Amino acid sequence: MFDHMEFFTHETAIVDDGATIGTGSRIWHFAHVCGGARIGENVSLGQNVFVANEVTIGDHCKVQNNVSIYDQVHLAEGVFCGPSMVFTNVYNPRALVERKDQYRETRVGRGATLGANCTIVCGVTIGEFAFIGAGAVVTDDINNYARVVGVPGKQIGWMSQYGEQIPLPVEGDGSYTCQFTGLEYVLENGIMRTN
């Protein structure tokens, strides 16, 4: 059984034996966490969230209502999953064809935001502090700090760690200093990094 002094579980939530849940985490109404899941500290799982067995969720993640996190999805620290966003774990699903041995790993980097109703097709890596707009469909790997919108998802700019647009082109060179944090962003050959 669980020591509920360590984390909060709403009375309607189900947490299967074997799940690891960090201190200060909160599991809300009608959520279900499977026994193999590994959830960090100070994580919030909203109403009707499902977390499968082969899932890791880093510290300080926020998973909003109606999100299912399936096997082979791994969220680094501080990931935000907007309401009703979607992960997949099979690339070409068919009800009449068993493909549980074909799950593809999806990794979401530290501090990334996945907007409401976006879809992350399995097998991709989303870079640190990337920002996926509401309703976007991601089918390819995403750069660190990339701002992505549309169907299929396309990078249209850059986002700071603070969550503000960085006024630099998608490709090329340049630098920008965030007015909120003082952090400097450097773009070289289409790759964004911080100093």
N, C-alpha and C. Protein backbone atom coordinates (compact mmCIF):
# COMPACT_ATOMS: atom_id res chain seq x y z
N MET A 1 0.84 -1.20 0.00
CA MET A 1 0.00 0.00 0.00
C MET A 1 0.88 1.25 0.00
N PHE A 2 0.22 2.38 -0.21
CA PHE A 2 0.94 3.64 -0.35
C PHE A 2 0.86 4.47 0.92
N ASP A 3 1.91 5.21 1.20
CA ASP A 3 1.92 6.18 2.29
C ASP A 3 1.36 7.48 1.73
N HIS A 4 0.08 7.73 1.95
CA HIS A 4 -0.56 8.90 1.36
C HIS A 4 -0.14 10.20 2.04
N MET A 5 0.75 10.12 3.00
CA MET A 5 1.33 11.34 3.56
C MET A 5 2.34 11.93 2.57
N GLU A 6 2.86 11.09 1.67
CA GLU A 6 3.88 11.51 0.71
C GLU A 6 3.30 12.25 -0.49
N PHE A 7 2.11 11.82 -0.93
CA PHE A 7 1.46 12.43 -2.09
C PHE A 7 -0.05 12.36 -1.90
N PHE A 8 -0.78 13.15 -2.70
CA PHE A 8 -2.23 13.20 -2.59
C PHE A 8 -2.88 12.38 -3.70
N THR A 9 -3.86 11.57 -3.33
CA THR A 9 -4.66 10.83 -4.30
C THR A 9 -6.13 11.07 -3.99
N HIS A 10 -6.87 11.58 -4.98
CA HIS A 10 -8.31 11.77 -4.80
C HIS A 10 -8.97 10.41 -4.58
N GLU A 11 -10.05 10.39 -3.84
CA GLU A 11 -10.71 9.12 -3.49
C GLU A 11 -11.21 8.34 -4.71
N THR A 12 -11.44 9.03 -5.84
CA THR A 12 -11.91 8.33 -7.05
C THR A 12 -10.76 7.84 -7.93
N ALA A 13 -9.53 8.22 -7.63
CA ALA A 13 -8.37 7.81 -8.44
C ALA A 13 -7.97 6.38 -8.10
N ILE A 14 -7.35 5.70 -9.08
CA ILE A 14 -6.84 4.34 -8.88
C ILE A 14 -5.33 4.36 -9.10
N VAL A 15 -4.59 3.91 -8.09
CA VAL A 15 -3.14 3.77 -8.21
C VAL A 15 -2.82 2.31 -7.93
N ASP A 16 -2.39 1.61 -8.98
CA ASP A 16 -2.10 0.18 -8.83
C ASP A 16 -0.83 -0.05 -8.01
N ASP A 17 -0.81 -1.15 -7.28
CA ASP A 17 0.37 -1.53 -6.51
C ASP A 17 1.58 -1.63 -7.42
N GLY A 18 2.70 -1.13 -6.95
CA GLY A 18 3.95 -1.17 -7.69
C GLY A 18 4.33 0.15 -8.32
N ALA A 19 3.37 1.06 -8.48
CA ALA A 19 3.67 2.38 -9.04
C ALA A 19 4.57 3.15 -8.08
N THR A 20 5.48 3.93 -8.64
CA THR A 20 6.33 4.80 -7.84
C THR A 20 5.87 6.23 -8.04
N ILE A 21 5.54 6.90 -6.95
CA ILE A 21 5.04 8.27 -7.02
C ILE A 21 5.80 9.12 -6.02
N GLY A 22 6.36 10.23 -6.53
CA GLY A 22 7.20 11.08 -5.71
C GLY A 22 6.44 11.96 -4.73
N THR A 23 7.18 12.45 -3.77
CA THR A 23 6.65 13.32 -2.73
C THR A 23 6.02 14.57 -3.33
N GLY A 24 4.88 14.95 -2.81
CA GLY A 24 4.22 16.19 -3.20
C GLY A 24 3.39 16.08 -4.47
N SER A 25 3.34 14.92 -5.08
CA SER A 25 2.54 14.77 -6.30
C SER A 25 1.06 14.70 -5.95
N ARG A 26 0.22 15.05 -6.95
CA ARG A 26 -1.22 15.09 -6.76
C ARG A 26 -1.90 14.35 -7.91
N ILE A 27 -2.77 13.41 -7.55
CA ILE A 27 -3.48 12.59 -8.53
C ILE A 27 -4.97 12.85 -8.33
N TRP A 28 -5.60 13.43 -9.35
CA TRP A 28 -6.96 13.94 -9.19
C TRP A 28 -8.02 12.97 -9.67
N HIS A 29 -9.26 13.43 -9.73
CA HIS A 29 -10.47 12.65 -9.96
C HIS A 29 -10.35 11.68 -11.14
N PHE A 30 -10.69 10.43 -10.89
CA PHE A 30 -10.84 9.39 -11.91
C PHE A 30 -9.56 9.09 -12.69
N ALA A 31 -8.42 9.50 -12.16
CA ALA A 31 -7.14 9.15 -12.80
C ALA A 31 -6.82 7.69 -12.51
N HIS A 32 -6.01 7.07 -13.40
CA HIS A 32 -5.57 5.70 -13.19
C HIS A 32 -4.08 5.60 -13.50
N VAL A 33 -3.30 5.18 -12.52
CA VAL A 33 -1.86 5.00 -12.66
C VAL A 33 -1.57 3.51 -12.53
N CYS A 34 -0.98 2.93 -13.59
CA CYS A 34 -0.67 1.50 -13.59
C CYS A 34 0.56 1.19 -12.73
N GLY A 35 0.70 -0.06 -12.35
CA GLY A 35 1.70 -0.48 -11.38
C GLY A 35 3.15 -0.29 -11.78
N GLY A 36 3.46 -0.24 -13.07
CA GLY A 36 4.84 -0.08 -13.50
C GLY A 36 5.26 1.36 -13.71
N ALA A 37 4.35 2.31 -13.56
CA ALA A 37 4.63 3.72 -13.83
C ALA A 37 5.61 4.28 -12.81
N ARG A 38 6.45 5.22 -13.28
CA ARG A 38 7.41 5.90 -12.42
C ARG A 38 7.14 7.40 -12.53
N ILE A 39 6.64 8.00 -11.44
CA ILE A 39 6.23 9.40 -11.43
C ILE A 39 7.07 10.14 -10.41
N GLY A 40 7.60 11.28 -10.81
CA GLY A 40 8.50 12.05 -9.96
C GLY A 40 7.79 12.85 -8.88
N GLU A 41 8.54 13.80 -8.31
CA GLU A 41 8.03 14.65 -7.24
C GLU A 41 7.27 15.85 -7.80
N ASN A 42 6.28 16.29 -7.02
CA ASN A 42 5.50 17.50 -7.34
C ASN A 42 4.90 17.46 -8.74
N VAL A 43 4.39 16.29 -9.13
CA VAL A 43 3.70 16.10 -10.40
C VAL A 43 2.20 16.25 -10.16
N SER A 44 1.51 16.87 -11.11
CA SER A 44 0.06 16.98 -11.04
C SER A 44 -0.56 16.21 -12.19
N LEU A 45 -1.40 15.23 -11.86
CA LEU A 45 -2.16 14.47 -12.85
C LEU A 45 -3.62 14.88 -12.72
N GLY A 46 -4.15 15.53 -13.75
CA GLY A 46 -5.51 16.05 -13.70
C GLY A 46 -6.57 14.97 -13.79
N GLN A 47 -7.81 15.44 -13.87
CA GLN A 47 -8.96 14.55 -13.94
C GLN A 47 -8.90 13.66 -15.18
N ASN A 48 -9.20 12.37 -14.99
CA ASN A 48 -9.32 11.41 -16.07
C ASN A 48 -8.01 11.17 -16.82
N VAL A 49 -6.89 11.28 -16.13
CA VAL A 49 -5.58 10.98 -16.72
C VAL A 49 -5.30 9.48 -16.56
N PHE A 50 -4.73 8.87 -17.61
CA PHE A 50 -4.31 7.48 -17.56
C PHE A 50 -2.80 7.43 -17.77
N VAL A 51 -2.09 6.67 -16.91
CA VAL A 51 -0.64 6.48 -17.02
C VAL A 51 -0.37 4.98 -17.08
N ALA A 52 0.20 4.53 -18.21
CA ALA A 52 0.46 3.11 -18.43
C ALA A 52 1.69 2.64 -17.65
N ASN A 53 1.99 1.35 -17.76
CA ASN A 53 3.08 0.72 -17.01
C ASN A 53 4.47 1.23 -17.39
N GLU A 54 4.78 1.26 -18.67
CA GLU A 54 6.12 1.60 -19.13
C GLU A 54 6.23 3.09 -19.44
N VAL A 55 5.99 3.88 -18.40
CA VAL A 55 5.98 5.35 -18.52
C VAL A 55 6.83 5.93 -17.41
N THR A 56 7.60 6.96 -17.74
CA THR A 56 8.27 7.75 -16.71
C THR A 56 7.85 9.20 -16.86
N ILE A 57 7.58 9.82 -15.73
CA ILE A 57 7.20 11.23 -15.68
C ILE A 57 8.13 11.92 -14.69
N GLY A 58 8.87 12.91 -15.18
CA GLY A 58 9.84 13.60 -14.34
C GLY A 58 9.21 14.53 -13.32
N ASP A 59 10.04 15.04 -12.42
CA ASP A 59 9.59 15.98 -11.39
C ASP A 59 8.94 17.21 -12.02
N HIS A 60 7.96 17.76 -11.32
CA HIS A 60 7.32 19.04 -11.64
C HIS A 60 6.56 19.05 -12.97
N CYS A 61 6.15 17.88 -13.47
CA CYS A 61 5.33 17.85 -14.68
C CYS A 61 3.88 18.16 -14.32
N LYS A 62 3.16 18.73 -15.29
CA LYS A 62 1.73 18.99 -15.14
C LYS A 62 1.01 18.34 -16.31
N VAL A 63 0.17 17.37 -16.00
CA VAL A 63 -0.61 16.68 -17.01
C VAL A 63 -2.07 17.06 -16.78
N GLN A 64 -2.63 17.81 -17.71
CA GLN A 64 -3.98 18.33 -17.55
C GLN A 64 -5.02 17.25 -17.84
N ASN A 65 -6.29 17.59 -17.71
CA ASN A 65 -7.39 16.65 -17.81
C ASN A 65 -7.42 15.89 -19.14
N ASN A 66 -7.86 14.64 -19.07
CA ASN A 66 -8.17 13.81 -20.24
C ASN A 66 -6.96 13.48 -21.09
N VAL A 67 -5.82 13.24 -20.48
CA VAL A 67 -4.61 12.84 -21.21
C VAL A 67 -4.28 11.40 -20.85
N SER A 68 -4.00 10.58 -21.88
CA SER A 68 -3.54 9.21 -21.67
C SER A 68 -2.07 9.12 -22.07
N ILE A 69 -1.25 8.64 -21.15
CA ILE A 69 0.18 8.50 -21.41
C ILE A 69 0.46 7.00 -21.51
N TYR A 70 0.68 6.54 -22.74
CA TYR A 70 0.79 5.12 -23.02
C TYR A 70 2.22 4.61 -22.86
N ASP A 71 2.37 3.27 -22.90
CA ASP A 71 3.68 2.64 -22.78
C ASP A 71 4.69 3.26 -23.73
N GLN A 72 5.91 3.38 -23.24
CA GLN A 72 7.07 3.90 -23.98
C GLN A 72 7.06 5.42 -24.16
N VAL A 73 6.25 6.13 -23.38
CA VAL A 73 6.30 7.59 -23.37
C VAL A 73 7.07 8.02 -22.12
N HIS A 74 8.04 8.92 -22.32
CA HIS A 74 8.88 9.37 -21.22
C HIS A 74 8.93 10.89 -21.21
N LEU A 75 8.50 11.48 -20.10
CA LEU A 75 8.49 12.92 -19.93
C LEU A 75 9.61 13.32 -18.98
N ALA A 76 10.47 14.24 -19.42
CA ALA A 76 11.53 14.75 -18.56
C ALA A 76 10.93 15.75 -17.56
N GLU A 77 11.78 16.36 -16.77
CA GLU A 77 11.35 17.31 -15.75
C GLU A 77 10.59 18.50 -16.36
N GLY A 78 9.52 18.89 -15.70
CA GLY A 78 8.84 20.14 -16.02
C GLY A 78 8.08 20.16 -17.33
N VAL A 79 7.63 19.02 -17.83
CA VAL A 79 6.84 18.99 -19.05
C VAL A 79 5.40 19.36 -18.73
N PHE A 80 4.78 20.15 -19.61
CA PHE A 80 3.37 20.52 -19.49
C PHE A 80 2.60 19.84 -20.61
N CYS A 81 1.61 19.03 -20.23
CA CYS A 81 0.72 18.37 -21.20
C CYS A 81 -0.65 19.03 -21.10
N GLY A 82 -1.04 19.75 -22.14
CA GLY A 82 -2.31 20.48 -22.13
C GLY A 82 -3.52 19.57 -22.16
N PRO A 83 -4.70 20.11 -21.87
CA PRO A 83 -5.91 19.31 -21.81
C PRO A 83 -6.17 18.55 -23.10
N SER A 84 -6.49 17.27 -22.96
CA SER A 84 -6.91 16.41 -24.06
C SER A 84 -5.87 16.23 -25.16
N MET A 85 -4.59 16.52 -24.86
CA MET A 85 -3.57 16.22 -25.87
C MET A 85 -3.40 14.70 -25.95
N VAL A 86 -2.81 14.23 -27.06
CA VAL A 86 -2.80 12.79 -27.35
C VAL A 86 -1.39 12.28 -27.61
N PHE A 87 -1.04 11.17 -26.97
CA PHE A 87 0.14 10.40 -27.32
C PHE A 87 -0.32 9.13 -28.02
N THR A 88 0.51 8.60 -28.93
CA THR A 88 0.25 7.27 -29.49
C THR A 88 1.45 6.40 -29.18
N ASN A 89 1.31 5.08 -29.34
CA ASN A 89 2.48 4.22 -29.14
C ASN A 89 2.67 3.21 -30.26
N VAL A 90 1.73 3.12 -31.19
CA VAL A 90 1.87 2.29 -32.38
C VAL A 90 1.69 3.19 -33.59
N TYR A 91 2.59 3.07 -34.56
CA TYR A 91 2.59 3.97 -35.71
C TYR A 91 1.46 3.68 -36.69
N ASN A 92 1.13 2.42 -36.88
CA ASN A 92 0.12 2.03 -37.87
C ASN A 92 -0.90 1.07 -37.25
N PRO A 93 -1.71 1.54 -36.30
CA PRO A 93 -2.59 0.64 -35.57
C PRO A 93 -3.73 0.09 -36.43
N ARG A 94 -4.08 -1.14 -36.15
CA ARG A 94 -5.26 -1.81 -36.72
C ARG A 94 -5.89 -2.62 -35.60
N ALA A 95 -7.20 -2.56 -35.49
CA ALA A 95 -7.90 -3.35 -34.47
C ALA A 95 -7.72 -4.84 -34.70
N LEU A 96 -7.58 -5.26 -35.95
CA LEU A 96 -7.50 -6.69 -36.27
C LEU A 96 -6.06 -7.21 -36.37
N VAL A 97 -5.07 -6.35 -36.10
CA VAL A 97 -3.66 -6.76 -36.16
C VAL A 97 -3.00 -6.43 -34.82
N GLU A 98 -2.49 -7.43 -34.14
CA GLU A 98 -1.82 -7.24 -32.85
C GLU A 98 -0.43 -6.64 -33.07
N ARG A 99 -0.15 -5.48 -32.48
CA ARG A 99 1.15 -4.82 -32.68
C ARG A 99 1.79 -4.36 -31.36
N LYS A 100 1.48 -5.02 -30.28
CA LYS A 100 2.04 -4.61 -28.99
C LYS A 100 3.55 -4.76 -28.93
N ASP A 101 4.14 -5.54 -29.84
CA ASP A 101 5.59 -5.69 -29.89
C ASP A 101 6.23 -4.61 -30.77
N GLN A 102 5.42 -3.67 -31.27
CA GLN A 102 5.92 -2.63 -32.16
C GLN A 102 5.78 -1.23 -31.57
N TYR A 103 5.61 -1.14 -30.24
CA TYR A 103 5.53 0.17 -29.61
C TYR A 103 6.79 0.97 -29.92
N ARG A 104 6.62 2.26 -30.18
CA ARG A 104 7.76 3.14 -30.44
C ARG A 104 7.92 4.12 -29.29
N GLU A 105 9.15 4.32 -28.88
CA GLU A 105 9.46 5.20 -27.75
C GLU A 105 9.30 6.66 -28.14
N THR A 106 8.67 7.42 -27.26
CA THR A 106 8.52 8.87 -27.42
C THR A 106 9.16 9.54 -26.22
N ARG A 107 10.02 10.53 -26.50
CA ARG A 107 10.69 11.26 -25.42
C ARG A 107 10.36 12.75 -25.54
N VAL A 108 10.00 13.34 -24.40
CA VAL A 108 9.69 14.76 -24.35
C VAL A 108 10.69 15.42 -23.41
N GLY A 109 11.45 16.39 -23.94
CA GLY A 109 12.53 17.02 -23.20
C GLY A 109 12.08 17.96 -22.09
N ARG A 110 13.01 18.25 -21.24
CA ARG A 110 12.79 19.10 -20.06
C ARG A 110 12.13 20.43 -20.43
N GLY A 111 11.08 20.76 -19.70
CA GLY A 111 10.44 22.07 -19.84
C GLY A 111 9.57 22.24 -21.07
N ALA A 112 9.37 21.20 -21.87
CA ALA A 112 8.57 21.33 -23.09
C ALA A 112 7.10 21.52 -22.75
N THR A 113 6.38 22.20 -23.65
CA THR A 113 4.94 22.39 -23.54
C THR A 113 4.26 21.72 -24.71
N LEU A 114 3.25 20.90 -24.41
CA LEU A 114 2.44 20.24 -25.42
C LEU A 114 1.04 20.80 -25.30
N GLY A 115 0.64 21.64 -26.25
CA GLY A 115 -0.60 22.39 -26.15
C GLY A 115 -1.85 21.53 -26.19
N ALA A 116 -2.96 22.13 -25.78
CA ALA A 116 -4.25 21.44 -25.74
C ALA A 116 -4.58 20.82 -27.09
N ASN A 117 -5.05 19.58 -27.04
CA ASN A 117 -5.52 18.85 -28.22
C ASN A 117 -4.45 18.57 -29.27
N CYS A 118 -3.18 18.78 -28.97
CA CYS A 118 -2.15 18.39 -29.94
C CYS A 118 -2.01 16.88 -29.92
N THR A 119 -1.42 16.34 -30.99
CA THR A 119 -1.18 14.90 -31.09
C THR A 119 0.29 14.66 -31.33
N ILE A 120 0.89 13.78 -30.53
CA ILE A 120 2.29 13.41 -30.68
C ILE A 120 2.33 11.97 -31.19
N VAL A 121 2.67 11.81 -32.48
CA VAL A 121 2.74 10.48 -33.07
C VAL A 121 4.00 9.80 -32.54
N CYS A 122 3.88 8.55 -32.18
CA CYS A 122 4.95 7.83 -31.48
C CYS A 122 6.25 7.78 -32.27
N GLY A 123 7.34 7.63 -31.51
CA GLY A 123 8.65 7.46 -32.11
C GLY A 123 9.44 8.74 -32.27
N VAL A 124 8.94 9.86 -31.74
CA VAL A 124 9.64 11.13 -31.91
C VAL A 124 10.30 11.55 -30.59
N THR A 125 11.25 12.48 -30.74
CA THR A 125 11.86 13.15 -29.59
C THR A 125 11.54 14.63 -29.70
N ILE A 126 11.00 15.18 -28.64
CA ILE A 126 10.68 16.61 -28.58
C ILE A 126 11.72 17.26 -27.69
N GLY A 127 12.39 18.28 -28.23
CA GLY A 127 13.50 18.91 -27.54
C GLY A 127 13.12 19.69 -26.31
N GLU A 128 14.14 20.04 -25.54
CA GLU A 128 13.94 20.83 -24.32
C GLU A 128 13.29 22.17 -24.64
N PHE A 129 12.32 22.53 -23.81
CA PHE A 129 11.62 23.81 -23.87
C PHE A 129 10.95 24.07 -25.22
N ALA A 130 10.76 23.02 -26.02
CA ALA A 130 9.96 23.18 -27.24
C ALA A 130 8.54 23.55 -26.84
N PHE A 131 7.84 24.18 -27.77
CA PHE A 131 6.47 24.63 -27.52
C PHE A 131 5.60 24.17 -28.68
N ILE A 132 4.76 23.16 -28.42
CA ILE A 132 3.88 22.60 -29.44
C ILE A 132 2.51 23.28 -29.29
N GLY A 133 2.07 23.98 -30.33
CA GLY A 133 0.82 24.73 -30.26
C GLY A 133 -0.40 23.84 -30.16
N ALA A 134 -1.50 24.42 -29.70
CA ALA A 134 -2.77 23.70 -29.57
C ALA A 134 -3.19 23.13 -30.91
N GLY A 135 -3.56 21.86 -30.91
CA GLY A 135 -4.08 21.21 -32.10
C GLY A 135 -3.04 20.75 -33.11
N ALA A 136 -1.76 21.00 -32.87
CA ALA A 136 -0.71 20.59 -33.81
C ALA A 136 -0.58 19.07 -33.81
N VAL A 137 -0.07 18.53 -34.94
CA VAL A 137 0.19 17.09 -35.05
C VAL A 137 1.68 16.92 -35.32
N VAL A 138 2.39 16.34 -34.36
CA VAL A 138 3.84 16.18 -34.45
C VAL A 138 4.16 14.78 -34.98
N THR A 139 4.88 14.72 -36.11
CA THR A 139 5.23 13.44 -36.73
C THR A 139 6.74 13.25 -36.84
N ASP A 140 7.53 14.28 -36.51
CA ASP A 140 8.99 14.23 -36.61
C ASP A 140 9.61 14.80 -35.35
N ASP A 141 10.92 14.53 -35.16
CA ASP A 141 11.64 15.10 -34.02
C ASP A 141 11.57 16.62 -34.05
N ILE A 142 11.57 17.22 -32.86
CA ILE A 142 11.44 18.67 -32.70
C ILE A 142 12.68 19.20 -31.98
N ASN A 143 13.23 20.31 -32.49
CA ASN A 143 14.41 20.95 -31.91
C ASN A 143 14.15 21.52 -30.52
N ASN A 144 15.22 21.66 -29.73
CA ASN A 144 15.14 22.43 -28.49
C ASN A 144 14.63 23.84 -28.80
N TYR A 145 13.74 24.35 -27.97
CA TYR A 145 13.22 25.72 -28.05
C TYR A 145 12.35 25.99 -29.28
N ALA A 146 12.04 24.97 -30.08
CA ALA A 146 11.25 25.18 -31.29
C ALA A 146 9.80 25.51 -30.94
N ARG A 147 9.21 26.40 -31.75
CA ARG A 147 7.78 26.72 -31.68
C ARG A 147 7.13 26.06 -32.90
N VAL A 148 6.19 25.13 -32.63
CA VAL A 148 5.63 24.28 -33.69
C VAL A 148 4.11 24.42 -33.70
N VAL A 149 3.54 24.61 -34.89
CA VAL A 149 2.09 24.68 -35.05
C VAL A 149 1.68 23.93 -36.31
N GLY A 150 0.39 23.63 -36.43
CA GLY A 150 -0.17 23.13 -37.67
C GLY A 150 -0.26 21.63 -37.80
N VAL A 151 -0.86 21.23 -38.94
CA VAL A 151 -1.06 19.82 -39.27
C VAL A 151 -0.56 19.58 -40.69
N PRO A 152 0.53 18.87 -40.89
CA PRO A 152 1.42 18.36 -39.84
C PRO A 152 2.20 19.51 -39.18
N GLY A 153 2.73 19.26 -38.01
CA GLY A 153 3.45 20.28 -37.26
C GLY A 153 4.66 20.82 -38.01
N LYS A 154 4.79 22.13 -37.98
CA LYS A 154 5.91 22.79 -38.65
C LYS A 154 6.49 23.85 -37.71
N GLN A 155 7.82 23.91 -37.65
CA GLN A 155 8.45 24.92 -36.81
C GLN A 155 8.32 26.28 -37.46
N ILE A 156 7.78 27.25 -36.68
CA ILE A 156 7.60 28.61 -37.20
C ILE A 156 8.40 29.64 -36.41
N GLY A 157 9.11 29.20 -35.39
CA GLY A 157 9.88 30.13 -34.59
C GLY A 157 10.50 29.44 -33.39
N TRP A 158 10.82 30.26 -32.38
CA TRP A 158 11.51 29.79 -31.18
C TRP A 158 10.78 30.30 -29.94
N MET A 159 10.89 29.57 -28.83
CA MET A 159 10.30 29.97 -27.56
C MET A 159 11.36 29.92 -26.47
N SER A 160 11.31 30.88 -25.57
CA SER A 160 12.26 30.93 -24.47
C SER A 160 11.84 29.97 -23.36
N GLN A 161 12.73 29.74 -22.41
CA GLN A 161 12.40 28.94 -21.24
C GLN A 161 11.26 29.57 -20.46
N TYR A 162 11.15 30.87 -20.53
CA TYR A 162 10.10 31.61 -19.83
C TYR A 162 8.75 31.47 -20.53
N GLY A 163 8.76 31.05 -21.79
CA GLY A 163 7.52 30.87 -22.54
C GLY A 163 7.15 32.05 -23.41
N GLU A 164 8.14 32.84 -23.81
CA GLU A 164 7.92 33.98 -24.70
C GLU A 164 8.59 33.70 -26.04
N GLN A 165 8.02 34.26 -27.12
CA GLN A 165 8.61 34.10 -28.43
C GLN A 165 9.98 34.77 -28.50
N ILE A 166 10.93 34.09 -29.12
CA ILE A 166 12.26 34.65 -29.35
C ILE A 166 12.26 35.22 -30.77
N PRO A 167 12.51 36.51 -30.93
CA PRO A 167 12.41 37.14 -32.25
C PRO A 167 13.63 36.90 -33.14
N LEU A 168 13.84 35.62 -33.50
CA LEU A 168 14.92 35.23 -34.40
C LEU A 168 14.34 34.33 -35.48
N PRO A 169 14.95 34.26 -36.66
CA PRO A 169 14.45 33.40 -37.73
C PRO A 169 14.61 31.93 -37.36
N VAL A 170 13.86 31.06 -38.06
CA VAL A 170 13.96 29.63 -37.80
C VAL A 170 15.38 29.13 -38.10
N GLU A 171 15.98 29.62 -39.18
CA GLU A 171 17.35 29.22 -39.54
C GLU A 171 18.25 30.44 -39.57
N GLY A 172 19.55 30.20 -39.49
CA GLY A 172 20.50 31.30 -39.54
C GLY A 172 21.22 31.48 -38.24
N ASP A 173 21.67 32.69 -38.01
CA ASP A 173 22.44 33.02 -36.81
C ASP A 173 21.85 34.26 -36.14
N GLY A 174 22.09 34.39 -34.85
CA GLY A 174 21.65 35.56 -34.11
C GLY A 174 21.65 35.28 -32.63
N SER A 175 21.37 36.31 -31.86
CA SER A 175 21.28 36.13 -30.40
C SER A 175 20.18 37.03 -29.86
N TYR A 176 19.69 36.65 -28.69
CA TYR A 176 18.59 37.37 -28.05
C TYR A 176 18.72 37.18 -26.55
N THR A 177 18.48 38.24 -25.79
CA THR A 177 18.49 38.17 -24.33
C THR A 177 17.08 38.34 -23.82
N CYS A 178 16.61 37.38 -23.03
CA CYS A 178 15.25 37.40 -22.49
C CYS A 178 15.11 38.54 -21.50
N GLN A 179 14.09 39.36 -21.69
CA GLN A 179 13.87 40.50 -20.80
C GLN A 179 13.37 40.08 -19.43
N PHE A 180 12.85 38.86 -19.30
CA PHE A 180 12.31 38.40 -18.03
C PHE A 180 13.34 37.68 -17.17
N THR A 181 14.27 36.96 -17.79
CA THR A 181 15.22 36.15 -17.03
C THR A 181 16.68 36.57 -17.21
N GLY A 182 16.96 37.36 -18.25
CA GLY A 182 18.33 37.74 -18.56
C GLY A 182 19.12 36.66 -19.25
N LEU A 183 18.48 35.51 -19.54
CA LEU A 183 19.16 34.41 -20.20
C LEU A 183 19.39 34.75 -21.68
N GLU A 184 20.61 34.48 -22.16
CA GLU A 184 20.94 34.76 -23.56
C GLU A 184 20.73 33.51 -24.41
N TYR A 185 20.04 33.68 -25.54
CA TYR A 185 19.80 32.60 -26.50
C TYR A 185 20.64 32.88 -27.74
N VAL A 186 21.34 31.83 -28.18
CA VAL A 186 22.22 31.98 -29.35
C VAL A 186 21.77 30.99 -30.41
N LEU A 187 21.51 31.50 -31.63
CA LEU A 187 21.11 30.67 -32.76
C LEU A 187 22.27 30.60 -33.73
N GLU A 188 22.78 29.39 -33.96
CA GLU A 188 23.87 29.16 -34.90
C GLU A 188 23.53 27.97 -35.80
N ASN A 189 23.49 28.25 -37.11
CA ASN A 189 23.21 27.21 -38.09
C ASN A 189 21.90 26.47 -37.79
N GLY A 190 20.90 27.21 -37.36
CA GLY A 190 19.58 26.62 -37.11
C GLY A 190 19.46 25.87 -35.81
N ILE A 191 20.47 25.96 -34.93
CA ILE A 191 20.43 25.29 -33.63
C ILE A 191 20.41 26.35 -32.53
N MET A 192 19.43 26.27 -31.64
CA MET A 192 19.31 27.23 -30.54
C MET A 192 19.96 26.65 -29.28
N ARG A 193 20.75 27.50 -28.60
CA ARG A 193 21.33 27.13 -27.31
C ARG A 193 21.32 28.34 -26.40
N THR A 194 21.60 28.12 -25.13
CA THR A 194 21.67 29.23 -24.18
C THR A 194 23.09 29.38 -23.67
N ASN A 195 23.42 30.62 -23.29
CA ASN A 195 24.72 30.91 -22.67
C ASN A 195 24.54 31.11 -21.18
